[in-house]
Amino acid sequence: MGAYGIVLAGYSSNNKYSLMGGLRASAQLISYELAMGVSLACIALATGSLKMTDMVAEQEKALWGVIPQVQNWFLFTPFGLLSAVIFLIALVAETNRAPFDLPEAENELIAGYHTEYSSMKFAVFFMGEYAAMFVFSGVFAAVFMGGYHFMPFNYDELAVTFPSLSSFWYALRDLNYWLGPAGFLVKQVFMLSFFIWLRATLPRLRYDQLMNLGWKSLLPTSVANFIIVGIWIVATEMYGVLGGWVAFFGAVALLALLYFNLVSASRKSREAEQRQAISLVDGTERRSITLVDPAPASSSGKTV
């Protein structure tokens, strides 16, 4: 739904810069929403539910199924960490924040889709962007960082493990319950600070880099992660926790081997296409010239 307002705002301005910003925003949202959706589908598949309350409850279980004293936040699991990284990159692109602020590229499109908007109309765009950042930060905290839990500990299990400090662990459990909303807000503020830090650190990408990252990197990686999570769930149900982790890392190794083979084949194909022979005939002699694309700095010894 977020793409409609941006596209219509750029189209209604009757301004080529605004229209280009709106088109960029629509293409950017579509490409990164796919990777974001698949990364969330990995967590939904591991949880068995689409409810965020169930996702938070799932993270209260034993870490990796073997350490009951520590909560199994998805950020601590291999597939959850990869999903979190993909989701984080996608949500930065979704909110049009740097380094993905191509719809508002000042040096190219003046101000993007809100070129013709000023005063309160511009303020609405600005507030909407920050409201989206706040909402996405809450979703990230709930899905990957344990929701309202301040610390990733199971206090009941710690009280059983260390009975001499049981009253201390029970007090922390009650404190975690009553300060749950504050803990959730702290995680949101942390994510907002990350947004601001990112804007002041990284330069803006080119548009082709933006699209390549979304379609050629994030989407295939998230789909591979989804397949790995499915294999892990089936193996865990059939062979237990240990069998599930063995199948998980086996699937990771197999997909990594497939990926590197595809990359190697693609590189060889590009190198073969880069070298082209052209014959020039001027009536008296025939000369053959080999055209080579500009070589990188590491291969500067080649002649062109």
Protein backbone atom coordinates (compact mmCIF):
# COMPACT_ATOMS: atom_id res chain seq x y z
CA MET A 1 0.00 0.00 0.00
CA GLY A 2 2.90 2.36 0.61
CA ALA A 3 3.74 2.52 -3.10
CA TYR A 4 0.40 4.07 -4.08
CA GLY A 5 0.86 7.37 -2.25
CA ILE A 6 4.39 7.88 -3.56
CA VAL A 7 3.55 7.02 -7.17
CA LEU A 8 0.39 9.16 -7.23
CA ALA A 9 2.22 12.06 -5.60
CA GLY A 10 4.91 11.96 -8.26
CA TYR A 11 2.39 11.57 -11.08
CA SER A 12 0.03 14.34 -9.97
CA SER A 13 2.77 16.98 -9.80
CA ASN A 14 3.03 17.27 -13.63
CA ASN A 15 6.80 17.38 -13.17
CA LYS A 16 9.28 15.05 -14.84
CA TYR A 17 11.55 14.94 -11.78
CA SER A 18 8.63 14.03 -9.52
CA LEU A 19 7.39 11.40 -11.96
CA MET A 20 10.85 9.82 -12.17
CA GLY A 21 11.06 9.77 -8.37
CA GLY A 22 7.66 8.09 -8.13
CA LEU A 23 8.61 5.44 -10.71
CA ARG A 24 11.88 4.77 -8.91
CA ALA A 25 10.03 4.40 -5.63
CA SER A 26 7.53 1.93 -7.08
CA ALA A 27 10.26 -0.26 -8.62
CA GLN A 28 12.28 -0.09 -5.40
CA LEU A 29 9.33 -1.04 -3.20
CA ILE A 30 8.33 -3.98 -5.40
CA SER A 31 11.84 -5.42 -5.62
CA TYR A 32 12.60 -5.17 -1.92
CA GLU A 33 9.15 -6.20 -0.67
CA LEU A 34 9.70 -9.64 -2.21
CA ALA A 35 12.91 -10.26 -0.25
CA MET A 36 11.33 -8.83 2.89
CA GLY A 37 8.26 -11.07 2.55
CA VAL A 38 10.33 -14.23 2.03
CA SER A 39 12.56 -13.39 5.00
CA LEU A 40 9.47 -13.06 7.20
CA ALA A 41 8.09 -16.30 5.69
CA CYS A 42 11.19 -18.11 7.03
CA ILE A 43 10.26 -17.04 10.56
CA ALA A 44 6.59 -17.88 10.03
CA LEU A 45 7.60 -21.32 8.77
CA ALA A 46 9.83 -21.93 11.79
CA THR A 47 7.10 -20.69 14.15
CA GLY A 48 4.15 -22.39 12.47
CA SER A 49 2.04 -19.23 12.78
CA LEU A 50 1.63 -15.78 11.27
CA LYS A 51 0.83 -14.18 14.64
CA MET A 52 3.59 -12.04 16.10
CA THR A 53 2.53 -13.09 19.60
CA ASP A 54 3.27 -16.70 18.63
CA MET A 55 6.63 -15.62 17.17
CA VAL A 56 7.53 -13.95 20.47
CA ALA A 57 6.40 -17.04 22.39
CA GLU A 58 8.51 -19.25 20.13
CA GLN A 59 11.57 -17.19 21.01
CA GLU A 60 11.05 -17.96 24.71
CA LYS A 61 12.06 -21.60 24.17
CA ALA A 62 15.51 -23.07 24.81
CA LEU A 63 18.33 -21.70 22.67
CA TRP A 64 18.92 -24.03 19.70
CA GLY A 65 16.76 -26.54 21.57
CA VAL A 66 19.58 -27.50 23.97
CA ILE A 67 20.25 -24.49 26.30
CA PRO A 68 17.09 -23.89 28.39
CA GLN A 69 18.56 -20.97 30.39
CA VAL A 70 18.82 -18.75 27.28
CA GLN A 71 15.92 -17.74 25.05
CA ASN A 72 15.96 -18.75 21.41
CA TRP A 73 15.77 -15.30 19.85
CA PHE A 74 15.72 -15.73 16.08
CA LEU A 75 18.60 -13.27 15.90
CA PHE A 76 20.76 -15.97 17.56
CA THR A 77 19.92 -18.73 15.07
CA PRO A 78 21.72 -19.09 11.70
CA PHE A 79 18.60 -18.88 9.54
CA GLY A 80 17.11 -16.15 11.75
CA LEU A 81 20.27 -14.05 11.57
CA LEU A 82 20.28 -14.26 7.76
CA SER A 83 16.57 -13.39 7.66
CA ALA A 84 17.20 -10.47 10.01
CA VAL A 85 19.99 -9.07 7.81
CA ILE A 86 17.81 -9.36 4.68
CA PHE A 87 14.82 -7.84 6.46
CA LEU A 88 16.96 -4.98 7.80
CA ILE A 89 18.35 -4.09 4.37
CA ALA A 90 14.88 -4.37 2.82
CA LEU A 91 13.20 -2.17 5.42
CA VAL A 92 15.84 0.55 4.89
CA ALA A 93 15.05 0.41 1.17
CA GLU A 94 11.30 0.32 1.87
CA THR A 95 11.45 3.52 3.86
CA ASN A 96 13.58 5.26 1.19
CA ARG A 97 16.35 5.95 3.66
CA ALA A 98 20.03 6.36 2.77
CA PRO A 99 21.82 4.65 1.10
CA PHE A 100 18.59 3.66 -0.70
CA ASP A 101 17.05 7.14 -1.01
CA LEU A 102 17.05 7.05 -4.82
CA PRO A 103 13.46 8.38 -5.11
CA GLU A 104 14.68 11.57 -3.39
CA ALA A 105 18.16 11.83 -4.97
CA GLU A 106 18.80 15.57 -4.61
CA ASN A 107 21.66 15.69 -7.11
CA GLU A 108 19.53 13.98 -9.78
CA LEU A 109 15.83 14.53 -9.08
CA ILE A 110 15.85 17.73 -6.96
CA ALA A 111 13.60 16.25 -4.24
CA GLY A 112 11.97 13.29 -5.96
CA TYR A 113 8.29 12.62 -5.74
CA HIS A 114 7.58 15.58 -3.40
CA THR A 115 9.24 18.30 -5.52
CA GLU A 116 6.00 20.28 -5.86
CA TYR A 117 4.92 19.81 -2.23
CA SER A 118 5.74 22.29 0.50
CA SER A 119 4.56 23.39 3.92
CA MET A 120 2.19 20.91 5.58
CA LYS A 121 2.00 18.64 2.53
CA PHE A 122 5.74 18.07 2.68
CA ALA A 123 5.50 17.60 6.45
CA VAL A 124 2.98 14.78 5.89
CA PHE A 125 5.46 12.98 3.62
CA PHE A 126 8.20 13.50 6.19
CA MET A 127 6.08 12.26 9.10
CA GLY A 128 4.91 9.28 7.07
CA GLU A 129 8.51 8.25 6.41
CA TYR A 130 9.39 8.37 10.10
CA ALA A 131 6.16 6.61 11.08
CA ALA A 132 7.08 3.79 8.69
CA MET A 133 10.52 3.60 10.27
CA PHE A 134 8.94 3.34 13.72
CA VAL A 135 6.54 0.58 12.64
CA PHE A 136 9.24 -1.44 10.87
CA SER A 137 11.47 -1.11 13.94
CA GLY A 138 8.68 -2.57 16.05
CA VAL A 139 8.19 -5.46 13.63
CA PHE A 140 11.93 -6.18 13.67
CA ALA A 141 12.03 -6.12 17.48
CA ALA A 142 9.05 -8.47 17.76
CA VAL A 143 10.11 -10.97 15.11
CA PHE A 144 13.87 -11.17 15.66
CA MET A 145 14.73 -9.63 19.05
CA GLY A 146 12.35 -11.35 21.47
CA GLY A 147 9.62 -8.73 21.52
CA TYR A 148 9.07 -7.22 24.95
CA HIS A 149 11.82 -9.23 26.70
CA PHE A 150 14.65 -7.04 27.98
CA MET A 151 17.25 -9.81 28.10
CA PRO A 152 17.34 -13.24 26.37
CA PHE A 153 17.11 -15.26 29.60
CA ASN A 154 14.61 -17.79 30.90
CA TYR A 155 14.49 -16.76 34.55
CA ASP A 156 12.56 -19.82 35.73
CA GLU A 157 15.24 -22.12 34.31
CA LEU A 158 17.97 -19.98 35.87
CA ALA A 159 16.21 -20.23 39.25
CA VAL A 160 16.21 -24.03 38.92
CA THR A 161 19.85 -24.11 37.80
CA PHE A 162 21.01 -21.73 40.56
CA PRO A 163 18.65 -22.35 43.49
CA SER A 164 20.69 -20.18 45.87
CA LEU A 165 19.78 -17.13 43.75
CA SER A 166 16.20 -18.15 43.00
CA SER A 167 14.67 -15.06 44.63
CA PHE A 168 16.89 -12.83 42.48
CA TRP A 169 15.88 -14.58 39.23
CA TYR A 170 12.19 -14.45 40.16
CA ALA A 171 12.50 -10.73 40.87
CA LEU A 172 14.05 -10.20 37.44
CA ARG A 173 11.22 -12.22 35.88
CA ASP A 174 8.58 -9.98 37.50
CA LEU A 175 10.53 -6.87 36.52
CA ASN A 176 10.73 -8.08 32.92
CA TYR A 177 6.95 -8.54 32.90
CA TRP A 178 6.09 -5.08 34.20
CA LEU A 179 8.70 -3.26 32.13
CA GLY A 180 7.87 -5.15 28.92
CA PRO A 181 6.47 -2.10 27.04
CA ALA A 182 9.52 -0.04 28.02
CA GLY A 183 11.83 -2.80 26.78
CA PHE A 184 10.00 -2.88 23.47
CA LEU A 185 10.33 0.90 23.10
CA VAL A 186 14.05 0.72 23.91
CA LYS A 187 14.54 -1.72 21.03
CA GLN A 188 12.58 0.57 18.71
CA VAL A 189 14.69 3.57 19.69
CA PHE A 190 17.81 1.51 19.09
CA MET A 191 16.61 0.71 15.56
CA LEU A 192 15.78 4.37 14.87
CA SER A 193 19.28 5.32 16.01
CA PHE A 194 20.62 2.73 13.58
CA PHE A 195 18.66 4.41 10.75
CA ILE A 196 20.17 7.80 11.57
CA TRP A 197 23.69 6.38 11.92
CA LEU A 198 23.34 4.62 8.57
CA ARG A 199 22.30 7.84 6.82
CA ALA A 200 25.38 9.64 8.11
CA THR A 201 27.77 6.82 7.21
CA LEU A 202 27.04 5.28 3.79
CA PRO A 203 26.93 7.03 0.40
CA ARG A 204 23.98 6.69 -1.95
CA LEU A 205 23.93 3.73 -4.35
CA ARG A 206 23.47 3.96 -8.09
CA TYR A 207 20.09 2.84 -9.37
CA ASP A 208 21.48 -0.24 -11.14
CA GLN A 209 23.27 -1.25 -7.92
CA LEU A 210 20.00 -0.83 -6.06
CA MET A 211 18.12 -3.14 -8.42
CA ASN A 212 20.93 -5.69 -8.63
CA LEU A 213 21.10 -5.95 -4.85
CA GLY A 214 17.37 -6.55 -4.58
CA TRP A 215 16.82 -8.97 -7.46
CA LYS A 216 20.18 -10.75 -7.79
CA SER A 217 21.33 -10.96 -4.16
CA LEU A 218 18.65 -10.51 -1.53
CA LEU A 219 15.79 -12.39 -3.22
CA PRO A 220 17.79 -15.54 -4.16
CA THR A 221 19.42 -15.59 -0.71
CA SER A 222 16.08 -15.32 1.07
CA VAL A 223 14.57 -18.08 -1.10
CA ALA A 224 17.56 -20.35 -0.37
CA ASN A 225 17.16 -19.59 3.33
CA PHE A 226 13.46 -20.51 3.10
CA ILE A 227 14.35 -23.88 1.55
CA ILE A 228 16.94 -24.53 4.26
CA VAL A 229 14.44 -23.75 7.03
CA GLY A 230 11.95 -26.21 5.49
CA ILE A 231 14.60 -28.95 5.36
CA TRP A 232 15.59 -28.22 8.96
CA ILE A 233 11.98 -28.47 10.19
CA VAL A 234 11.33 -31.78 8.40
CA ALA A 235 14.63 -33.30 9.61
CA THR A 236 13.97 -32.14 13.18
CA GLU A 237 10.55 -33.78 13.23
CA MET A 238 11.95 -37.03 11.82
CA TYR A 239 15.36 -37.32 13.52
CA GLY A 240 15.29 -34.93 16.47
CA VAL A 241 17.24 -31.76 17.21
CA LEU A 242 20.65 -33.17 16.27
CA GLY A 243 19.41 -34.57 12.97
CA GLY A 244 17.77 -31.24 12.18
CA TRP A 245 21.00 -29.31 12.64
CA VAL A 246 22.97 -31.84 10.60
CA ALA A 247 20.45 -31.48 7.77
CA PHE A 248 20.54 -27.70 8.15
CA PHE A 249 24.29 -27.38 7.71
CA GLY A 250 24.27 -30.00 4.96
CA ALA A 251 21.70 -27.98 3.03
CA VAL A 252 23.77 -24.82 3.57
CA ALA A 253 26.88 -26.51 2.19
CA LEU A 254 24.99 -27.90 -0.80
CA LEU A 255 23.43 -24.55 -1.70
CA ALA A 256 26.78 -22.77 -1.24
CA LEU A 257 28.43 -25.25 -3.61
CA LEU A 258 25.66 -24.71 -6.16
CA TYR A 259 25.98 -20.95 -5.83
CA PHE A 260 29.76 -20.88 -6.36
CA ASN A 261 29.43 -23.18 -9.39
CA LEU A 262 26.85 -20.84 -10.92
CA VAL A 263 29.04 -17.80 -10.22
CA SER A 264 32.06 -19.49 -11.79
CA ALA A 265 30.09 -20.48 -14.90
CA SER A 266 28.67 -16.97 -15.21
CA ARG A 267 32.13 -15.38 -14.89
CA LYS A 268 33.57 -17.63 -17.60
CA SER A 269 30.66 -16.78 -19.88
CA ARG A 270 31.18 -13.04 -19.39
CA GLU A 271 34.91 -13.32 -20.03
CA ALA A 272 34.22 -15.19 -23.28
CA GLU A 273 31.77 -12.49 -24.39
CA GLN A 274 34.14 -9.65 -23.54
CA ARG A 275 36.76 -10.70 -26.09
CA GLN A 276 35.53 -10.11 -29.63
CA ALA A 277 37.62 -10.32 -32.82
CA ILE A 278 36.88 -7.90 -35.67
CA SER A 279 38.53 -8.10 -39.09
CA LEU A 280 39.21 -4.81 -40.91
CA VAL A 281 39.82 -4.95 -44.66
CA ASP A 282 41.09 -1.85 -46.50
CA GLY A 283 41.60 -3.51 -49.89
CA THR A 284 45.31 -4.22 -49.53
CA GLU A 285 45.73 -6.01 -46.22
CA ARG A 286 43.67 -7.67 -43.58
CA ARG A 287 44.13 -6.64 -39.97
CA SER A 288 42.57 -8.41 -36.99
CA ILE A 289 41.85 -6.38 -33.86
CA THR A 290 40.79 -7.91 -30.56
CA LEU A 291 38.54 -5.68 -28.48
CA VAL A 292 38.81 -6.14 -24.72
CA ASP A 293 36.69 -4.43 -22.08
CA PRO A 294 38.60 -2.13 -19.75
CA ALA A 295 40.46 -4.39 -17.35
CA PRO A 296 40.34 -3.91 -13.57
CA ALA A 297 43.30 -2.51 -11.70
CA SER A 298 44.53 -5.98 -10.74
CA SER A 299 45.05 -6.89 -14.43
CA SER A 300 46.49 -3.60 -15.68
CA GLY A 301 49.24 -5.43 -17.55
CA LYS A 302 46.88 -6.50 -20.32
CA THR A 303 46.95 -4.60 -23.61
CA VAL A 304 43.80 -3.13 -25.11
